[in-house]
Amino acid sequence: MRILFVTDAWHPQINGVVRTLSTTGTELEALGHAVAFVGPDRFRTFPLPTYPEIRIALTPGRRLLEEVERFQPTAIHIATEGPLGWAARGMCRSRGWRFSTSYHTRFPEYVAERAPVPLSVSYAVLRHFHANSSALMVATNSIERELAERGFANLRRWTRGVDVNQFRPRNDNDEPLFGDVQRPIALYVGRVAVEKNIEAFLEAPFKGSKIVVGDGPQRAELARKYGHVKFLGAQHGDMLARTFAAADVFVFPSKTDTFGLVMLEALASGVPVAAYPVAGPIDVLGGTDVACLDDDLGFAIEQALAIPRDRCRQFALGHSWHASAQQFLANLQPCA
């Protein structure tokens, strides 16, 4: 097949959506399929209000059609509900082409954190966006059940994987990676933004050192407020993998993520997870012995520290990107 992804989340952004899409593309190509991505990098863009690190495509319609005609896809997947996603949806609808979509981000909750927009209104907009999708792909059972209760249809499962070669336990990591810090080390990796609930991690009692990796609109404010915490900025590649492996516990404070790919990356590095018992962590780690999920995040962190690192690694080995890509492929339909 010739599979075209249209996404508002793309490089140079660093987040779980970009990693999921790019890794899925690599796996699909390994299976013999031709893959292309159309992201904001091909258009004139403007910064997203309240989130200038993310740039949004400006009037992408005509240029998007040119990209589609150039690639001649046999299947089209619209990954996000931004300007590119809406333009791609309109293009497919006007030509009678089938397309699939995916739900990566709880936009209604994110919008509600920044503006007085009722959840019912935001979900109505998203329901309209996905209404004509041949397959609305979601990562977990909780999200599938929640969207079904809100009237979304054609729901299909598309789980996530982890690169266990890149993210792995290492013996060359110690305190010098972070400077002079006290063990144990509690790590957060992700966007530094209000919807990630990072302050719950920063406020949680912990007899050790806290490290935050990532960038975002709250970074400067939180770094000033919590001077005892190390904010290392965005990392990727081998440096990020080394940082994961150097931690003693990974803390995932978000209550709005649909999956939480970083949890698998931590586990592949041999690092146990502490999180709230909410959708995402419950779906991925509920009922396992590699994480502690509790409404008291400080308690969860302390309990997770006792989990053996080899047990975490073994759990991650059972979650491959190859299986994820096969699942994605099974959900596709030819666009014409």
Protein backbone atom coordinates (compact mmCIF):
# COMPACT_ATOMS: atom_id res chain seq x y z
CA MET A 1 0.00 0.00 0.00
CA ARG A 2 0.93 3.65 -0.36
CA ILE A 3 0.04 5.13 3.03
CA LEU A 4 -0.15 8.89 3.60
CA PHE A 5 -0.15 10.35 7.11
CA VAL A 6 -1.46 13.89 7.56
CA THR A 7 -0.49 15.32 10.94
CA ASP A 8 -0.30 18.67 12.71
CA ALA A 9 2.18 17.12 15.17
CA TRP A 10 5.51 16.52 13.46
CA HIS A 11 9.23 17.23 13.68
CA PRO A 12 10.86 19.29 15.16
CA GLN A 13 8.24 18.73 17.88
CA ILE A 14 9.32 16.14 20.43
CA ASN A 15 6.39 14.26 21.92
CA GLY A 16 4.67 10.89 22.03
CA VAL A 17 2.51 11.56 18.98
CA VAL A 18 5.52 12.36 16.77
CA ARG A 19 7.42 9.31 18.05
CA THR A 20 4.41 7.07 17.50
CA LEU A 21 3.84 8.25 13.93
CA SER A 22 7.48 8.23 12.83
CA THR A 23 8.17 4.81 14.35
CA THR A 24 4.99 3.36 12.85
CA GLY A 25 6.09 4.68 9.46
CA THR A 26 9.45 2.97 9.81
CA GLU A 27 7.78 -0.32 10.74
CA LEU A 28 5.34 -0.06 7.82
CA GLU A 29 8.21 0.51 5.40
CA ALA A 30 9.94 -2.56 6.82
CA LEU A 31 6.77 -4.48 5.95
CA GLY A 32 7.07 -3.34 2.32
CA HIS A 33 4.68 -0.39 2.25
CA ALA A 34 5.41 3.09 0.85
CA VAL A 35 4.89 5.78 3.50
CA ALA A 36 4.78 9.59 3.35
CA PHE A 37 4.06 12.26 5.95
CA VAL A 38 2.56 15.69 5.42
CA GLY A 39 3.20 17.93 8.42
CA PRO A 40 3.42 21.65 9.20
CA ASP A 41 7.05 21.73 8.04
CA ARG A 42 5.79 21.90 4.43
CA PHE A 43 3.65 25.01 4.94
CA ARG A 44 3.77 28.56 6.20
CA THR A 45 3.08 28.35 9.92
CA PHE A 46 2.21 30.42 12.96
CA PRO A 47 2.82 29.66 16.66
CA LEU A 48 0.02 28.01 18.59
CA PRO A 49 -1.44 30.50 21.11
CA THR A 50 -0.15 29.80 24.66
CA TYR A 51 2.19 27.19 23.17
CA PRO A 52 4.68 28.93 20.83
CA GLU A 53 6.92 25.86 20.59
CA ILE A 54 4.24 24.26 18.41
CA ARG A 55 3.67 25.78 14.98
CA ILE A 56 0.43 25.34 13.04
CA ALA A 57 0.03 25.24 9.25
CA LEU A 58 -1.53 28.34 7.73
CA THR A 59 -4.16 27.84 4.94
CA PRO A 60 -2.86 24.40 3.92
CA GLY A 61 -5.66 23.43 1.50
CA ARG A 62 -4.18 23.86 -2.01
CA ARG A 63 -0.65 22.83 -1.04
CA LEU A 64 -2.01 19.77 0.75
CA LEU A 65 -3.83 18.64 -2.39
CA GLU A 66 -0.60 19.02 -4.37
CA GLU A 67 1.21 16.82 -1.85
CA VAL A 68 -1.51 14.18 -2.06
CA GLU A 69 -1.54 14.17 -5.86
CA ARG A 70 2.24 13.87 -5.90
CA PHE A 71 2.29 10.81 -3.64
CA GLN A 72 -0.85 9.11 -5.01
CA PRO A 73 -1.78 7.29 -1.78
CA THR A 74 -3.93 4.18 -1.62
CA ALA A 75 -4.76 4.86 2.06
CA ILE A 76 -4.96 8.15 3.98
CA HIS A 77 -4.66 8.47 7.76
CA ILE A 78 -5.47 11.81 9.43
CA ALA A 79 -3.63 11.75 12.73
CA THR A 80 -4.65 15.05 14.36
CA GLU A 81 -7.57 17.45 14.60
CA GLY A 82 -5.61 20.64 13.76
CA PRO A 83 -5.68 22.79 10.61
CA LEU A 84 -3.98 20.13 8.49
CA GLY A 85 -6.35 17.49 9.82
CA TRP A 86 -9.42 19.56 8.99
CA ALA A 87 -8.06 20.40 5.54
CA ALA A 88 -7.38 16.72 4.83
CA ARG A 89 -10.81 15.75 6.08
CA GLY A 90 -12.48 18.32 3.80
CA MET A 91 -10.40 17.18 0.83
CA CYS A 92 -11.34 13.52 1.36
CA ARG A 93 -15.01 14.31 1.92
CA SER A 94 -15.28 16.43 -1.23
CA ARG A 95 -13.76 13.65 -3.34
CA GLY A 96 -15.55 10.73 -1.75
CA TRP A 97 -12.32 9.21 -0.41
CA ARG A 98 -12.27 7.01 2.68
CA PHE A 99 -9.88 7.99 5.45
CA SER A 100 -9.01 6.84 8.95
CA THR A 101 -8.30 9.03 11.98
CA SER A 102 -6.74 8.65 15.42
CA TYR A 103 -7.29 10.15 18.86
CA HIS A 104 -3.97 10.95 20.51
CA THR A 105 -4.75 13.93 22.73
CA ARG A 106 -7.56 14.96 25.07
CA PHE A 107 -8.01 18.33 23.40
CA PRO A 108 -11.26 19.18 25.23
CA GLU A 109 -9.53 18.86 28.59
CA TYR A 110 -6.47 20.75 27.33
CA VAL A 111 -8.64 23.59 26.04
CA ALA A 112 -10.57 23.70 29.32
CA GLU A 113 -7.28 24.25 31.18
CA ARG A 114 -6.70 27.43 29.16
CA ALA A 115 -10.13 28.83 28.30
CA PRO A 116 -13.72 28.64 29.63
CA VAL A 117 -14.93 26.27 26.92
CA PRO A 118 -17.37 23.55 28.12
CA LEU A 119 -16.22 19.97 27.51
CA SER A 120 -19.53 19.24 25.78
CA VAL A 121 -18.78 21.84 23.11
CA SER A 122 -15.24 20.64 22.47
CA TYR A 123 -16.30 17.00 22.30
CA ALA A 124 -19.10 17.91 19.87
CA VAL A 125 -16.50 19.46 17.54
CA LEU A 126 -14.28 16.37 17.77
CA ARG A 127 -17.25 14.06 17.23
CA HIS A 128 -18.04 15.94 14.02
CA PHE A 129 -14.40 15.72 12.92
CA HIS A 130 -14.22 11.93 13.35
CA ALA A 131 -17.80 11.15 12.28
CA ASN A 132 -16.91 10.09 8.72
CA SER A 133 -13.73 8.21 9.57
CA SER A 134 -13.69 4.58 8.45
CA ALA A 135 -11.72 3.78 11.63
CA LEU A 136 -11.11 6.02 14.64
CA MET A 137 -8.02 4.50 16.23
CA VAL A 138 -7.48 4.75 19.99
CA ALA A 139 -4.68 3.42 22.16
CA THR A 140 -6.47 2.00 25.18
CA ASN A 141 -9.66 0.36 26.40
CA SER A 142 -10.51 3.26 28.73
CA ILE A 143 -10.33 5.85 25.94
CA GLU A 144 -12.36 3.60 23.63
CA ARG A 145 -15.05 3.18 26.27
CA GLU A 146 -15.10 6.90 27.10
CA LEU A 147 -15.41 7.98 23.46
CA ALA A 148 -18.12 5.39 22.81
CA GLU A 149 -20.11 6.80 25.73
CA ARG A 150 -19.74 10.27 24.17
CA GLY A 151 -21.19 9.09 20.86
CA PHE A 152 -18.03 8.41 18.81
CA ALA A 153 -18.28 5.53 16.31
CA ASN A 154 -16.08 3.17 14.28
CA LEU A 155 -13.61 2.82 17.15
CA ARG A 156 -10.60 0.56 16.59
CA ARG A 157 -7.63 -0.29 18.79
CA TRP A 158 -4.11 0.91 17.94
CA THR A 159 -1.76 0.31 20.83
CA ARG A 160 1.81 1.60 21.27
CA GLY A 161 5.25 0.05 21.47
CA VAL A 162 8.76 0.83 22.66
CA ASP A 163 12.22 0.60 21.12
CA VAL A 164 13.85 -1.82 23.54
CA ASN A 165 17.23 -1.46 21.81
CA GLN A 166 17.44 2.28 22.37
CA PHE A 167 15.79 2.29 25.79
CA ARG A 168 17.58 -0.28 27.92
CA PRO A 169 19.31 -0.64 31.30
CA ARG A 170 22.85 0.71 31.32
CA ASN A 171 25.79 0.30 33.65
CA ASP A 172 27.57 3.54 32.74
CA ASN A 173 25.06 5.87 34.41
CA ASP A 174 25.56 7.46 37.80
CA GLU A 175 25.16 10.83 39.49
CA PRO A 176 27.64 12.66 37.18
CA LEU A 177 24.98 12.57 34.47
CA PHE A 178 22.96 15.04 36.55
CA GLY A 179 25.76 16.65 38.51
CA ASP A 180 25.93 16.41 42.28
CA VAL A 181 22.53 14.99 43.21
CA GLN A 182 21.21 12.85 46.03
CA ARG A 183 19.84 9.37 45.41
CA PRO A 184 17.21 8.17 44.80
CA ILE A 185 16.36 10.05 41.60
CA ALA A 186 12.75 10.63 40.52
CA LEU A 187 12.39 11.52 36.84
CA TYR A 188 9.69 13.20 34.74
CA VAL A 189 9.96 13.30 30.93
CA GLY A 190 7.46 15.14 28.75
CA ARG A 191 6.00 18.52 27.88
CA VAL A 192 6.29 21.08 30.63
CA ALA A 193 2.75 22.39 30.39
CA VAL A 194 -0.23 22.81 32.69
CA GLU A 195 -2.16 19.83 31.31
CA LYS A 196 0.65 17.48 32.35
CA ASN A 197 0.00 18.20 36.05
CA ILE A 198 3.74 18.42 36.74
CA GLU A 199 3.29 20.41 39.95
CA ALA A 200 1.74 17.32 41.55
CA PHE A 201 5.13 15.63 41.04
CA LEU A 202 7.10 18.67 42.18
CA GLU A 203 4.99 19.03 45.34
CA ALA A 204 5.01 15.33 46.25
CA PRO A 205 7.14 14.46 49.31
CA PHE A 206 10.33 12.67 48.27
CA LYS A 207 13.64 12.07 50.03
CA GLY A 208 15.87 12.33 47.00
CA SER A 209 16.35 14.40 43.84
CA LYS A 210 13.78 15.34 41.22
CA ILE A 211 14.69 15.73 37.55
CA VAL A 212 12.46 17.23 34.83
CA VAL A 213 13.30 16.60 31.17
CA GLY A 214 11.34 18.45 28.50
CA ASP A 215 10.36 21.92 27.39
CA GLY A 216 7.14 23.88 27.25
CA PRO A 217 5.34 27.04 28.31
CA GLN A 218 5.58 26.29 32.06
CA ARG A 219 9.29 25.49 32.21
CA ALA A 220 10.60 28.95 33.20
CA GLU A 221 7.85 29.49 35.77
CA LEU A 222 8.31 26.09 37.43
CA ALA A 223 12.11 26.34 37.38
CA ARG A 224 11.86 29.61 39.33
CA LYS A 225 9.31 28.24 41.76
CA TYR A 226 11.09 24.94 42.43
CA GLY A 227 14.75 25.88 42.59
CA HIS A 228 15.75 22.54 44.14
CA VAL A 229 14.58 20.63 41.05
CA LYS A 230 16.84 20.16 38.04
CA PHE A 231 15.17 21.21 34.76
CA LEU A 232 17.32 19.79 31.94
CA GLY A 233 15.28 20.94 28.93
CA ALA A 234 14.43 18.78 25.92
CA GLN A 235 16.50 15.66 25.24
CA HIS A 236 16.38 13.01 22.57
CA GLY A 237 18.33 10.07 21.19
CA ASP A 238 21.06 8.48 23.25
CA MET A 239 21.12 11.27 25.84
CA LEU A 240 17.43 10.77 26.60
CA ALA A 241 17.89 7.00 26.82
CA ARG A 242 20.81 7.46 29.25
CA THR A 243 18.73 9.84 31.36
CA PHE A 244 15.90 7.30 31.64
CA ALA A 245 18.31 4.54 32.67
CA ALA A 246 19.96 6.74 35.33
CA ALA A 247 16.71 7.27 37.24
CA ASP A 248 15.42 5.20 40.15
CA VAL A 249 11.73 5.85 39.58
CA PHE A 250 9.76 7.43 36.73
CA VAL A 251 6.85 9.66 37.74
CA PHE A 252 3.89 10.17 35.39
CA PRO A 253 1.61 12.79 37.02
CA SER A 254 -0.68 13.44 34.04
CA LYS A 255 -4.39 12.73 34.40
CA THR A 256 -5.30 13.56 30.80
CA ASP A 257 -2.95 11.53 28.56
CA THR A 258 -4.49 8.87 26.35
CA PHE A 259 -1.56 6.47 26.71
CA GLY A 260 1.78 7.69 28.07
CA LEU A 261 4.48 6.30 25.78
CA VAL A 262 7.19 7.53 28.16
CA MET A 263 6.05 4.96 30.72
CA LEU A 264 7.06 2.14 28.38
CA GLU A 265 10.37 3.87 27.65
CA ALA A 266 11.08 4.06 31.38
CA LEU A 267 10.20 0.41 31.92
CA ALA A 268 12.38 -0.66 28.98
CA SER A 269 15.21 1.20 30.75
CA GLY A 270 14.59 -0.85 33.88
CA VAL A 271 12.88 1.98 35.77
CA PRO A 272 9.59 1.41 37.68
CA VAL A 273 6.68 3.83 37.28
CA ALA A 274 4.61 5.84 39.75
CA ALA A 275 1.36 7.36 38.50
CA TYR A 276 -2.25 8.14 39.30
CA PRO A 277 -4.87 5.39 38.76
CA VAL A 278 -6.43 7.07 35.70
CA ALA A 279 -6.97 6.21 32.03
CA GLY A 280 -3.62 5.63 30.39
CA PRO A 281 -1.67 4.30 33.38
CA ILE A 282 -4.50 1.94 34.32
CA ASP A 283 -4.78 0.61 30.77
CA VAL A 284 -1.05 0.15 30.30
CA LEU A 285 0.07 -0.83 33.79
CA GLY A 286 -3.02 -1.63 35.85
CA GLY A 287 -2.79 -5.06 37.46
CA THR A 288 0.94 -5.38 36.71
CA ASP A 289 3.83 -5.58 39.15
CA VAL A 290 6.02 -2.93 37.46
CA ALA A 291 4.24 0.21 38.69
CA CYS A 292 2.46 1.70 41.64
CA LEU A 293 -0.76 3.58 40.85
CA ASP A 294 -2.24 5.56 43.71
CA ASP A 295 -4.18 8.77 44.33
CA ASP A 296 -1.38 9.72 46.74
CA LEU A 297 1.47 10.33 44.29
CA GLY A 298 4.10 10.56 47.04
CA PHE A 299 3.06 7.13 48.30
CA ALA A 300 3.14 5.74 44.76
CA ILE A 301 6.70 7.03 44.28
CA GLU A 302 7.94 5.45 47.50
CA GLN A 303 6.30 2.11 46.73
CA ALA A 304 7.57 2.04 43.14
CA LEU A 305 11.16 2.41 44.33
CA ALA A 306 10.99 -1.14 45.72
CA ILE A 307 10.11 -2.73 42.36
CA PRO A 308 13.00 -4.78 40.85
CA ARG A 309 14.47 -3.21 37.72
CA ASP A 310 14.75 -6.51 35.83
CA ARG A 311 11.02 -7.04 36.23
CA CYS A 312 10.38 -3.68 34.50
CA ARG A 313 12.63 -4.58 31.59
CA GLN A 314 10.93 -7.94 31.11
CA PHE A 315 7.51 -6.28 30.93
CA ALA A 316 8.66 -3.82 28.25
CA LEU A 317 10.07 -6.61 26.06
CA GLY A 318 6.50 -7.76 25.43
CA HIS A 319 5.46 -4.46 23.80
CA SER A 320 6.92 -4.16 20.31
CA TRP A 321 6.40 -1.50 17.65
CA HIS A 322 6.09 -4.28 15.07
CA ALA A 323 2.85 -5.50 16.68
CA SER A 324 1.60 -1.90 16.89
CA ALA A 325 2.20 -1.33 13.18
CA GLN A 326 0.42 -4.57 12.28
CA GLN A 327 -2.58 -3.44 14.29
CA PHE A 328 -2.58 -0.05 12.55
CA LEU A 329 -2.39 -1.72 9.15
CA ALA A 330 -5.36 -3.97 9.91
CA ASN A 331 -7.50 -0.87 10.60
CA LEU A 332 -6.81 0.80 7.22
CA GLN A 333 -9.14 0.81 4.23
CA PRO A 334 -8.27 1.90 0.66
CA CYS A 335 -9.16 5.56 0.19
CA ALA A 336 -10.89 5.02 -3.18
